[in-house]
Amino acid sequence: MSNDAKRRVWEHYQNRGNKEHFAERYYCYDLIYYEHYNDVTRAIAREKEIKAMTRKKKEELIATMNPKWRTLKL
């Protein structure tokens, strides 16, 4: 969850290859899916739901918004 997605993607990109963090270790810096919430409590709850999903469910969720898995522009 972030209140500034553009900055957060940039941070992941700047730290690429850093073995201490999952996103940086696996070069996760392309945005392919997002959800927008005005309520931070709901956003955090949704993030936890997504993290608890299986990989297959996450892939299906991404495909609903971005079926070709293209990098999204911010």
PDB file of N, CA and C in Angstrom:
ATOM      1  N   MET A   1       0.839  -1.167   0.000  1.00  0.00           N
ATOM      2  CA  MET A   1       0.000   0.000   0.000  1.00  0.00           C
ATOM      3  C   MET A   1       0.889   1.236   0.000  1.00  0.00           C
ATOM      4  N   SER A   2       0.474   2.226  -0.762  1.00  0.00           N
ATOM      5  CA  SER A   2       1.236   3.468  -0.833  1.00  0.00           C
ATOM      6  C   SER A   2       0.292   4.615  -1.162  1.00  0.00           C
ATOM      7  N   ASN A   3       0.617   5.794  -0.679  1.00  0.00           N
ATOM      8  CA  ASN A   3      -0.153   6.976  -1.060  1.00  0.00           C
ATOM      9  C   ASN A   3       0.493   7.690  -2.249  1.00  0.00           C
ATOM     10  N   ASP A   4       1.570   7.125  -2.763  1.00  0.00           N
ATOM     11  CA  ASP A   4       2.257   7.695  -3.927  1.00  0.00           C
ATOM     12  C   ASP A   4       2.855   6.542  -4.742  1.00  0.00           C
ATOM     13  N   ALA A   5       2.043   5.964  -5.624  1.00  0.00           N
ATOM     14  CA  ALA A   5       2.455   4.777  -6.373  1.00  0.00           C
ATOM     15  C   ALA A   5       3.665   5.052  -7.258  1.00  0.00           C
ATOM     16  N   LYS A   6       3.708   6.216  -7.868  1.00  0.00           N
ATOM     17  CA  LYS A   6       4.829   6.549  -8.745  1.00  0.00           C
ATOM     18  C   LYS A   6       6.151   6.540  -7.966  1.00  0.00           C
ATOM     19  N   ARG A   7       6.142   7.146  -6.795  1.00  0.00           N
ATOM     20  CA  ARG A   7       7.336   7.161  -5.947  1.00  0.00           C
ATOM     21  C   ARG A   7       7.704   5.753  -5.510  1.00  0.00           C
ATOM     22  N   ARG A   8       6.700   4.949  -5.148  1.00  0.00           N
ATOM     23  CA  ARG A   8       6.955   3.597  -4.646  1.00  0.00           C
ATOM     24  C   ARG A   8       7.557   2.702  -5.722  1.00  0.00           C
ATOM     25  N   VAL A   9       7.051   2.795  -6.940  1.00  0.00           N
ATOM     26  CA  VAL A   9       7.635   2.024  -8.042  1.00  0.00           C
ATOM     27  C   VAL A   9       9.072   2.464  -8.271  1.00  0.00           C
ATOM     28  N   TRP A  10       9.326   3.768  -8.214  1.00  0.00           N
ATOM     29  CA  TRP A  10      10.681   4.293  -8.384  1.00  0.00           C
ATOM     30  C   TRP A  10      11.616   3.753  -7.293  1.00  0.00           C
ATOM     31  N   GLU A  11      11.136   3.694  -6.054  1.00  0.00           N
ATOM     32  CA  GLU A  11      11.948   3.147  -4.964  1.00  0.00           C
ATOM     33  C   GLU A  11      12.308   1.684  -5.228  1.00  0.00           C
ATOM     34  N   HIS A  12      11.349   0.897  -5.670  1.00  0.00           N
ATOM     35  CA  HIS A  12      11.638  -0.502  -6.009  1.00  0.00           C
ATOM     36  C   HIS A  12      12.701  -0.571  -7.107  1.00  0.00           C
ATOM     37  N   TYR A  13      12.564   0.273  -8.108  1.00  0.00           N
ATOM     38  CA  TYR A  13      13.520   0.279  -9.223  1.00  0.00           C
ATOM     39  C   TYR A  13      14.919   0.660  -8.734  1.00  0.00           C
ATOM     40  N   GLN A  14      15.004   1.670  -7.898  1.00  0.00           N
ATOM     41  CA  GLN A  14      16.301   2.133  -7.393  1.00  0.00           C
ATOM     42  C   GLN A  14      17.002   1.078  -6.542  1.00  0.00           C
ATOM     43  N   ASN A  15      16.227   0.224  -5.891  1.00  0.00           N
ATOM     44  CA  ASN A  15      16.797  -0.803  -5.004  1.00  0.00           C
ATOM     45  C   ASN A  15      16.881  -2.176  -5.647  1.00  0.00           C
ATOM     46  N   ARG A  16      16.706  -2.247  -6.975  1.00  0.00           N
ATOM     47  CA  ARG A  16      16.715  -3.545  -7.658  1.00  0.00           C
ATOM     48  C   ARG A  16      18.014  -4.298  -7.357  1.00  0.00           C
ATOM     49  N   GLY A  17      17.857  -5.595  -7.144  1.00  0.00           N
ATOM     50  CA  GLY A  17      19.006  -6.437  -6.850  1.00  0.00           C
ATOM     51  C   GLY A  17      19.352  -6.530  -5.373  1.00  0.00           C
ATOM     52  N   ASN A  18      18.721  -5.720  -4.514  1.00  0.00           N
ATOM     53  CA  ASN A  18      18.968  -5.761  -3.077  1.00  0.00           C
ATOM     54  C   ASN A  18      18.398  -7.061  -2.516  1.00  0.00           C
ATOM     55  N   LYS A  19      19.239  -7.899  -1.978  1.00  0.00           N
ATOM     56  CA  LYS A  19      18.828  -9.232  -1.515  1.00  0.00           C
ATOM     57  C   LYS A  19      18.016  -9.200  -0.217  1.00  0.00           C
ATOM     58  N   GLU A  20      17.942  -8.053   0.439  1.00  0.00           N
ATOM     59  CA  GLU A  20      17.250  -7.975   1.728  1.00  0.00           C
ATOM     60  C   GLU A  20      15.730  -7.894   1.598  1.00  0.00           C
ATOM     61  N   HIS A  21      15.221  -7.514   0.447  1.00  0.00           N
ATOM     62  CA  HIS A  21      13.790  -7.308   0.277  1.00  0.00           C
ATOM     63  C   HIS A  21      13.270  -8.108  -0.910  1.00  0.00           C
ATOM     64  N   PHE A  22      12.081  -8.670  -0.759  1.00  0.00           N
ATOM     65  CA  PHE A  22      11.498  -9.519  -1.794  1.00  0.00           C
ATOM     66  C   PHE A  22      11.417  -8.802  -3.136  1.00  0.00           C
ATOM     67  N   ALA A  23      10.798  -7.643  -3.156  1.00  0.00           N
ATOM     68  CA  ALA A  23      10.566  -6.932  -4.424  1.00  0.00           C
ATOM     69  C   ALA A  23      11.877  -6.605  -5.131  1.00  0.00           C
ATOM     70  N   GLU A  24      12.857  -6.184  -4.381  1.00  0.00           N
ATOM     71  CA  GLU A  24      14.133  -5.823  -4.975  1.00  0.00           C
ATOM     72  C   GLU A  24      14.930  -7.070  -5.393  1.00  0.00           C
ATOM     73  N   ARG A  25      14.837  -8.121  -4.592  1.00  0.00           N
ATOM     74  CA  ARG A  25      15.547  -9.369  -4.894  1.00  0.00           C
ATOM     75  C   ARG A  25      15.077  -9.960  -6.214  1.00  0.00           C
ATOM     76  N   TYR A  26      13.768  -9.842  -6.481  1.00  0.00           N
ATOM     77  CA  TYR A  26      13.197 -10.432  -7.685  1.00  0.00           C
ATOM     78  C   TYR A  26      12.885  -9.392  -8.774  1.00  0.00           C
ATOM     79  N   TYR A  27      13.479  -8.212  -8.639  1.00  0.00           N
ATOM     80  CA  TYR A  27      13.354  -7.157  -9.659  1.00  0.00           C
ATOM     81  C   TYR A  27      11.891  -6.822  -9.967  1.00  0.00           C
ATOM     82  N   CYS A  28      11.113  -6.621  -8.910  1.00  0.00           N
ATOM     83  CA  CYS A  28       9.687  -6.267  -9.050  1.00  0.00           C
ATOM     84  C   CYS A  28       9.547  -4.753  -9.069  1.00  0.00           C
ATOM     85  N   TYR A  29       9.604  -4.176 -10.239  1.00  0.00           N
ATOM     86  CA  TYR A  29       9.430  -2.728 -10.316  1.00  0.00           C
ATOM     87  C   TYR A  29       8.571  -2.298 -11.493  1.00  0.00           C
ATOM     88  N   ASP A  30       7.877  -3.225 -12.113  1.00  0.00           N
ATOM     89  CA  ASP A  30       6.898  -2.882 -13.135  1.00  0.00           C
ATOM     90  C   ASP A  30       5.512  -2.987 -12.510  1.00  0.00           C
ATOM     91  N   LEU A  31       4.740  -1.925 -12.613  1.00  0.00           N
ATOM     92  CA  LEU A  31       3.384  -1.934 -12.082  1.00  0.00           C
ATOM     93  C   LEU A  31       2.464  -2.585 -13.104  1.00  0.00           C
ATOM     94  N   ILE A  32       1.816  -3.674 -12.715  1.00  0.00           N
ATOM     95  CA  ILE A  32       0.918  -4.377 -13.639  1.00  0.00           C
ATOM     96  C   ILE A  32      -0.510  -4.443 -13.105  1.00  0.00           C
ATOM     97  N   TYR A  33      -0.712  -4.050 -11.839  1.00  0.00           N
ATOM     98  CA  TYR A  33      -2.045  -4.086 -11.236  1.00  0.00           C
ATOM     99  C   TYR A  33      -2.074  -3.123 -10.061  1.00  0.00           C
ATOM    100  N   TYR A  34      -3.208  -2.475  -9.875  1.00  0.00           N
ATOM    101  CA  TYR A  34      -3.398  -1.643  -8.686  1.00  0.00           C
ATOM    102  C   TYR A  34      -4.883  -1.500  -8.400  1.00  0.00           C
ATOM    103  N   GLU A  35      -5.188  -1.124  -7.201  1.00  0.00           N
ATOM    104  CA  GLU A  35      -6.544  -0.770  -6.786  1.00  0.00           C
ATOM    105  C   GLU A  35      -6.438   0.548  -6.040  1.00  0.00           C
ATOM    106  N   HIS A  36      -7.449   1.380  -6.176  1.00  0.00           N
ATOM    107  CA  HIS A  36      -7.446   2.692  -5.522  1.00  0.00           C
ATOM    108  C   HIS A  36      -8.482   2.705  -4.405  1.00  0.00           C
ATOM    109  N   TYR A  37      -8.085   3.183  -3.246  1.00  0.00           N
ATOM    110  CA  TYR A  37      -8.987   3.316  -2.102  1.00  0.00           C
ATOM    111  C   TYR A  37      -8.813   4.686  -1.476  1.00  0.00           C
ATOM    112  N   ASN A  38      -9.908   5.272  -1.042  1.00  0.00           N
ATOM    113  CA  ASN A  38      -9.855   6.533  -0.305  1.00  0.00           C
ATOM    114  C   ASN A  38      -9.707   6.296   1.189  1.00  0.00           C
ATOM    115  N   ASP A  39     -10.029   5.092   1.632  1.00  0.00           N
ATOM    116  CA  ASP A  39      -9.964   4.737   3.044  1.00  0.00           C
ATOM    117  C   ASP A  39      -8.743   3.847   3.290  1.00  0.00           C
ATOM    118  N   VAL A  40      -7.793   4.344   4.069  1.00  0.00           N
ATOM    119  CA  VAL A  40      -6.544   3.617   4.300  1.00  0.00           C
ATOM    120  C   VAL A  40      -6.784   2.286   5.008  1.00  0.00           C
ATOM    121  N   THR A  41      -7.753   2.223   5.890  1.00  0.00           N
ATOM    122  CA  THR A  41      -8.059   0.976   6.597  1.00  0.00           C
ATOM    123  C   THR A  41      -8.512  -0.091   5.611  1.00  0.00           C
ATOM    124  N   ARG A  42      -9.367   0.287   4.678  1.00  0.00           N
ATOM    125  CA  ARG A  42      -9.843  -0.658   3.659  1.00  0.00           C
ATOM    126  C   ARG A  42      -8.699  -1.065   2.729  1.00  0.00           C
ATOM    127  N   ALA A  43      -7.821  -0.132   2.403  1.00  0.00           N
ATOM    128  CA  ALA A  43      -6.686  -0.442   1.533  1.00  0.00           C
ATOM    129  C   ALA A  43      -5.763  -1.466   2.182  1.00  0.00           C
ATOM    130  N   ILE A  44      -5.489  -1.298   3.457  1.00  0.00           N
ATOM    131  CA  ILE A  44      -4.628  -2.231   4.176  1.00  0.00           C
ATOM    132  C   ILE A  44      -5.297  -3.609   4.262  1.00  0.00           C
ATOM    133  N   ALA A  45      -6.592  -3.632   4.535  1.00  0.00           N
ATOM    134  CA  ALA A  45      -7.319  -4.906   4.604  1.00  0.00           C
ATOM    135  C   ALA A  45      -7.277  -5.615   3.250  1.00  0.00           C
ATOM    136  N   ARG A  46      -7.449  -4.860   2.169  1.00  0.00           N
ATOM    137  CA  ARG A  46      -7.418  -5.460   0.837  1.00  0.00           C
ATOM    138  C   ARG A  46      -6.028  -5.992   0.506  1.00  0.00           C
ATOM    139  N   GLU A  47      -4.993  -5.254   0.887  1.00  0.00           N
ATOM    140  CA  GLU A  47      -3.628  -5.717   0.660  1.00  0.00           C
ATOM    141  C   GLU A  47      -3.396  -7.058   1.355  1.00  0.00           C
ATOM    142  N   LYS A  48      -3.884  -7.196   2.570  1.00  0.00           N
ATOM    143  CA  LYS A  48      -3.748  -8.458   3.302  1.00  0.00           C
ATOM    144  C   LYS A  48      -4.500  -9.582   2.598  1.00  0.00           C
ATOM    145  N   GLU A  49      -5.697  -9.273   2.063  1.00  0.00           N
ATOM    146  CA  GLU A  49      -6.462 -10.275   1.309  1.00  0.00           C
ATOM    147  C   GLU A  49      -5.665 -10.762   0.104  1.00  0.00           C
ATOM    148  N   ILE A  50      -5.101  -9.822  -0.631  1.00  0.00           N
ATOM    149  CA  ILE A  50      -4.352 -10.174  -1.836  1.00  0.00           C
ATOM    150  C   ILE A  50      -3.108 -10.988  -1.486  1.00  0.00           C
ATOM    151  N   LYS A  51      -2.401 -10.584  -0.450  1.00  0.00           N
ATOM    152  CA  LYS A  51      -1.199 -11.317  -0.057  1.00  0.00           C
ATOM    153  C   LYS A  51      -1.515 -12.754   0.360  1.00  0.00           C
ATOM    154  N   ALA A  52      -2.722 -12.973   0.873  1.00  0.00           N
ATOM    155  CA  ALA A  52      -3.117 -14.316   1.314  1.00  0.00           C
ATOM    156  C   ALA A  52      -3.583 -15.200   0.159  1.00  0.00           C
ATOM    157  N   MET A  53      -3.791 -14.613  -1.015  1.00  0.00           N
ATOM    158  CA  MET A  53      -4.255 -15.380  -2.174  1.00  0.00           C
ATOM    159  C   MET A  53      -3.153 -16.291  -2.702  1.00  0.00           C
ATOM    160  N   THR A  54      -3.574 -17.345  -3.385  1.00  0.00           N
ATOM    161  CA  THR A  54      -2.619 -18.197  -4.076  1.00  0.00           C
ATOM    162  C   THR A  54      -2.079 -17.434  -5.292  1.00  0.00           C
ATOM    163  N   ARG A  55      -0.983 -17.893  -5.810  1.00  0.00           N
ATOM    164  CA  ARG A  55      -0.421 -17.274  -7.013  1.00  0.00           C
ATOM    165  C   ARG A  55      -1.432 -17.305  -8.165  1.00  0.00           C
ATOM    166  N   LYS A  56      -2.134 -18.424  -8.298  1.00  0.00           N
ATOM    167  CA  LYS A  56      -3.129 -18.559  -9.370  1.00  0.00           C
ATOM    168  C   LYS A  56      -4.219 -17.503  -9.232  1.00  0.00           C
ATOM    169  N   LYS A  57      -4.715 -17.289  -8.033  1.00  0.00           N
ATOM    170  CA  LYS A  57      -5.751 -16.282  -7.799  1.00  0.00           C
ATOM    171  C   LYS A  57      -5.229 -14.878  -8.091  1.00  0.00           C
ATOM    172  N   LYS A  58      -3.983 -14.614  -7.714  1.00  0.00           N
ATOM    173  CA  LYS A  58      -3.386 -13.313  -8.005  1.00  0.00           C
ATOM    174  C   LYS A  58      -3.264 -13.094  -9.509  1.00  0.00           C
ATOM    175  N   GLU A  59      -2.862 -14.135 -10.223  1.00  0.00           N
ATOM    176  CA  GLU A  59      -2.744 -14.032 -11.677  1.00  0.00           C
ATOM    177  C   GLU A  59      -4.101 -13.778 -12.316  1.00  0.00           C
ATOM    178  N   GLU A  60      -5.135 -14.436 -11.811  1.00  0.00           N
ATOM    179  CA  GLU A  60      -6.492 -14.208 -12.319  1.00  0.00           C
ATOM    180  C   GLU A  60      -6.951 -12.782 -12.039  1.00  0.00           C
ATOM    181  N   LEU A  61      -6.626 -12.270 -10.870  1.00  0.00           N
ATOM    182  CA  LEU A  61      -6.986 -10.898 -10.506  1.00  0.00           C
ATOM    183  C   LEU A  61      -6.306  -9.901 -11.438  1.00  0.00           C
ATOM    184  N   ILE A  62      -5.027 -10.087 -11.688  1.00  0.00           N
ATOM    185  CA  ILE A  62      -4.286  -9.203 -12.598  1.00  0.00           C
ATOM    186  C   ILE A  62      -4.915  -9.246 -13.986  1.00  0.00           C
ATOM    187  N   ALA A  63      -5.270 -10.438 -14.446  1.00  0.00           N
ATOM    188  CA  ALA A  63      -5.834 -10.601 -15.785  1.00  0.00           C
ATOM    189  C   ALA A  63      -7.165  -9.870 -15.952  1.00  0.00           C
ATOM    190  N   THR A  64      -7.899  -9.639 -14.865  1.00  0.00           N
ATOM    191  CA  THR A  64      -9.165  -8.916 -14.985  1.00  0.00           C
ATOM    192  C   THR A  64      -8.954  -7.462 -15.391  1.00  0.00           C
ATOM    193  N   MET A  65      -7.850  -6.878 -14.969  1.00  0.00           N
ATOM    194  CA  MET A  65      -7.577  -5.478 -15.268  1.00  0.00           C
ATOM    195  C   MET A  65      -6.558  -5.317 -16.393  1.00  0.00           C
ATOM    196  N   ASN A  66      -5.648  -6.255 -16.499  1.00  0.00           N
ATOM    197  CA  ASN A  66      -4.524  -6.135 -17.416  1.00  0.00           C
ATOM    198  C   ASN A  66      -4.252  -7.496 -18.063  1.00  0.00           C
ATOM    199  N   PRO A  67      -5.127  -7.932 -18.977  1.00  0.00           N
ATOM    200  CA  PRO A  67      -5.010  -9.294 -19.520  1.00  0.00           C
ATOM    201  C   PRO A  67      -3.706  -9.579 -20.257  1.00  0.00           C
ATOM    202  N   LYS A  68      -3.038  -8.557 -20.770  1.00  0.00           N
ATOM    203  CA  LYS A  68      -1.768  -8.776 -21.476  1.00  0.00           C
ATOM    204  C   LYS A  68      -0.560  -8.520 -20.576  1.00  0.00           C
ATOM    205  N   TRP A  69      -0.810  -8.234 -19.330  1.00  0.00           N
ATOM    206  CA  TRP A  69       0.228  -8.014 -18.331  1.00  0.00           C
ATOM    207  C   TRP A  69       1.225  -6.932 -18.763  1.00  0.00           C
ATOM    208  N   ARG A  70       0.720  -5.891 -19.348  1.00  0.00           N
ATOM    209  CA  ARG A  70       1.582  -4.784 -19.776  1.00  0.00           C
ATOM    210  C   ARG A  70       1.912  -3.897 -18.585  1.00  0.00           C
ATOM    211  N   THR A  71       3.079  -3.299 -18.618  1.00  0.00           N
ATOM    212  CA  THR A  71       3.466  -2.348 -17.583  1.00  0.00           C
ATOM    213  C   THR A  71       2.538  -1.147 -17.671  1.00  0.00           C
ATOM    214  N   LEU A  72       1.951  -0.779 -16.538  1.00  0.00           N
ATOM    215  CA  LEU A  72       1.019   0.342 -16.500  1.00  0.00           C
ATOM    216  C   LEU A  72       1.777   1.651 -16.307  1.00  0.00           C
ATOM    217  N   LYS A  73       1.323   2.671 -16.955  1.00  0.00           N
ATOM    218  CA  LYS A  73       1.930   4.010 -16.813  1.00  0.00           C
ATOM    219  C   LYS A  73       1.242   4.756 -15.684  1.00  0.00           C
ATOM    220  N   LEU A  74       2.014   5.476 -14.916  1.00  0.00           N
ATOM    221  CA  LEU A  74       1.467   6.287 -13.824  1.00  0.00           C
ATOM    222  C   LEU A  74       1.412   7.745 -14.218  1.00  0.00           C
TER     223      LEU A  74
END
